[in-house]
């Protein structure tokens, strides 16, 4: 996901798996995945913004309060269940 090129043709052709992840998976689970996999938060946000501009609606992650690196994924997921 983070390896998608950025620029004039940053998500052409569209990677349907990445689009589905960014548009359908809840932001808290996306954050946990990004942190656990060591993916660049900035790269993912750029891809999410690009998809948002392309389709005309915000990806879930863009509306989320990004707190990567402050708590573990397990801590965030456990806190949301309480």
C-alpha atoms as a PDB file:
ATOM      1  CA  UNK A   1       0.000   0.000   0.000  1.00  0.00           C
ATOM      2  CA  UNK A   2       2.682   2.462   0.969  1.00  0.00           C
ATOM      3  CA  UNK A   3       4.583   1.577  -2.199  1.00  0.00           C
ATOM      4  CA  UNK A   4       1.929   2.994  -4.540  1.00  0.00           C
ATOM      5  CA  UNK A   5       3.511   5.777  -6.568  1.00  0.00           C
ATOM      6  CA  UNK A   6       2.515   9.325  -5.676  1.00  0.00           C
ATOM      7  CA  UNK A   7       2.002  11.999  -8.300  1.00  0.00           C
ATOM      8  CA  UNK A   8      -0.027  12.445 -11.457  1.00  0.00           C
ATOM      9  CA  UNK A   9      -0.836   8.742 -11.716  1.00  0.00           C
ATOM     10  CA  UNK A  10      -0.526   7.721  -8.069  1.00  0.00           C
ATOM     11  CA  UNK A  11      -3.305   5.132  -8.005  1.00  0.00           C
ATOM     12  CA  UNK A  12      -3.912   4.218 -11.610  1.00  0.00           C
ATOM     13  CA  UNK A  13      -4.724   1.442 -12.034  1.00  0.00           C
ATOM     14  CA  UNK A  14      -6.595   1.294  -8.750  1.00  0.00           C
ATOM     15  CA  UNK A  15      -5.472  -1.413  -6.355  1.00  0.00           C
ATOM     16  CA  UNK A  16      -8.848  -2.772  -5.320  1.00  0.00           C
ATOM     17  CA  UNK A  17      -7.483  -4.483  -2.205  1.00  0.00           C
ATOM     18  CA  UNK A  18      -5.971  -1.276  -0.875  1.00  0.00           C
ATOM     19  CA  UNK A  19      -9.093   0.699  -1.781  1.00  0.00           C
ATOM     20  CA  UNK A  20     -11.305  -1.820   0.031  1.00  0.00           C
ATOM     21  CA  UNK A  21      -9.040  -1.732   3.082  1.00  0.00           C
ATOM     22  CA  UNK A  22      -9.101   2.073   3.233  1.00  0.00           C
ATOM     23  CA  UNK A  23     -12.808   2.440   2.503  1.00  0.00           C
ATOM     24  CA  UNK A  24     -14.333  -0.493   4.405  1.00  0.00           C
ATOM     25  CA  UNK A  25     -12.113  -1.353   7.384  1.00  0.00           C
ATOM     26  CA  UNK A  26     -12.784   0.774  10.498  1.00  0.00           C
ATOM     27  CA  UNK A  27     -10.118   3.415  11.099  1.00  0.00           C
ATOM     28  CA  UNK A  28      -9.078   1.949  14.457  1.00  0.00           C
ATOM     29  CA  UNK A  29      -8.286  -1.397  12.821  1.00  0.00           C
ATOM     30  CA  UNK A  30      -6.447   0.355   9.990  1.00  0.00           C
ATOM     31  CA  UNK A  31      -4.323   2.185  12.564  1.00  0.00           C
ATOM     32  CA  UNK A  32      -3.560  -1.064  14.367  1.00  0.00           C
ATOM     33  CA  UNK A  33      -2.566  -2.744  11.103  1.00  0.00           C
ATOM     34  CA  UNK A  34      -0.370   0.170  10.024  1.00  0.00           C
ATOM     35  CA  UNK A  35       1.442   0.189  13.348  1.00  0.00           C
ATOM     36  CA  UNK A  36       1.860  -3.585  13.592  1.00  0.00           C
ATOM     37  CA  UNK A  37       3.143  -3.897  10.021  1.00  0.00           C
ATOM     38  CA  UNK A  38       5.520  -0.929  10.348  1.00  0.00           C
ATOM     39  CA  UNK A  39       4.017   0.870   7.345  1.00  0.00           C
ATOM     40  CA  UNK A  40       4.721   4.586   6.975  1.00  0.00           C
ATOM     41  CA  UNK A  41       1.743   6.512   8.339  1.00  0.00           C
ATOM     42  CA  UNK A  42       2.482   9.408   5.995  1.00  0.00           C
ATOM     43  CA  UNK A  43       2.556   7.134   2.954  1.00  0.00           C
ATOM     44  CA  UNK A  44      -0.763   5.541   3.879  1.00  0.00           C
ATOM     45  CA  UNK A  45      -2.353   8.938   4.462  1.00  0.00           C
ATOM     46  CA  UNK A  46      -1.147  10.111   1.030  1.00  0.00           C
ATOM     47  CA  UNK A  47      -2.666   7.041  -0.616  1.00  0.00           C
ATOM     48  CA  UNK A  48      -5.918   7.505   1.344  1.00  0.00           C
ATOM     49  CA  UNK A  49      -6.084  11.155   0.280  1.00  0.00           C
ATOM     50  CA  UNK A  50      -5.472  10.180  -3.329  1.00  0.00           C
ATOM     51  CA  UNK A  51      -8.267   7.622  -3.276  1.00  0.00           C
ATOM     52  CA  UNK A  52     -10.557  10.143  -1.578  1.00  0.00           C
ATOM     53  CA  UNK A  53      -9.929  12.692  -4.297  1.00  0.00           C
ATOM     54  CA  UNK A  54     -10.479  10.070  -6.966  1.00  0.00           C
ATOM     55  CA  UNK A  55     -13.786   8.733  -5.653  1.00  0.00           C
ATOM     56  CA  UNK A  56     -15.209  11.873  -4.038  1.00  0.00           C
ATOM     57  CA  UNK A  57     -15.508  10.755  -0.417  1.00  0.00           C
ATOM     58  CA  UNK A  58     -13.102  10.522   2.518  1.00  0.00           C
ATOM     59  CA  UNK A  59     -11.492   7.256   3.432  1.00  0.00           C
ATOM     60  CA  UNK A  60     -12.118   6.289   7.072  1.00  0.00           C
ATOM     61  CA  UNK A  61      -8.516   6.911   8.094  1.00  0.00           C
ATOM     62  CA  UNK A  62      -8.640  10.561   7.016  1.00  0.00           C
ATOM     63  CA  UNK A  63     -11.350  11.339   9.550  1.00  0.00           C
ATOM     64  CA  UNK A  64      -9.631   9.462  12.357  1.00  0.00           C
ATOM     65  CA  UNK A  65      -7.479  10.905  15.085  1.00  0.00           C
ATOM     66  CA  UNK A  66      -4.158   9.291  14.189  1.00  0.00           C
ATOM     67  CA  UNK A  67      -2.292   8.217  17.330  1.00  0.00           C
ATOM     68  CA  UNK A  68       0.208   5.732  15.968  1.00  0.00           C
ATOM     69  CA  UNK A  69       3.161   5.060  18.212  1.00  0.00           C
ATOM     70  CA  UNK A  70       1.512   6.214  21.434  1.00  0.00           C
ATOM     71  CA  UNK A  71      -0.245   2.985  22.340  1.00  0.00           C
ATOM     72  CA  UNK A  72      -0.015  -0.557  21.105  1.00  0.00           C
ATOM     73  CA  UNK A  73      -2.616  -1.899  18.722  1.00  0.00           C
ATOM     74  CA  UNK A  74      -3.831  -4.299  21.406  1.00  0.00           C
ATOM     75  CA  UNK A  75      -4.227  -1.452  23.920  1.00  0.00           C
ATOM     76  CA  UNK A  76      -6.321   0.562  21.431  1.00  0.00           C
ATOM     77  CA  UNK A  77      -8.512  -2.384  20.470  1.00  0.00           C
ATOM     78  CA  UNK A  78      -9.022  -3.365  24.115  1.00  0.00           C
ATOM     79  CA  UNK A  79      -9.887   0.204  25.119  1.00  0.00           C
ATOM     80  CA  UNK A  80     -12.519   0.461  22.400  1.00  0.00           C
ATOM     81  CA  UNK A  81     -14.272  -2.679  23.643  1.00  0.00           C
ATOM     82  CA  UNK A  82     -14.694  -1.268  27.176  1.00  0.00           C
END
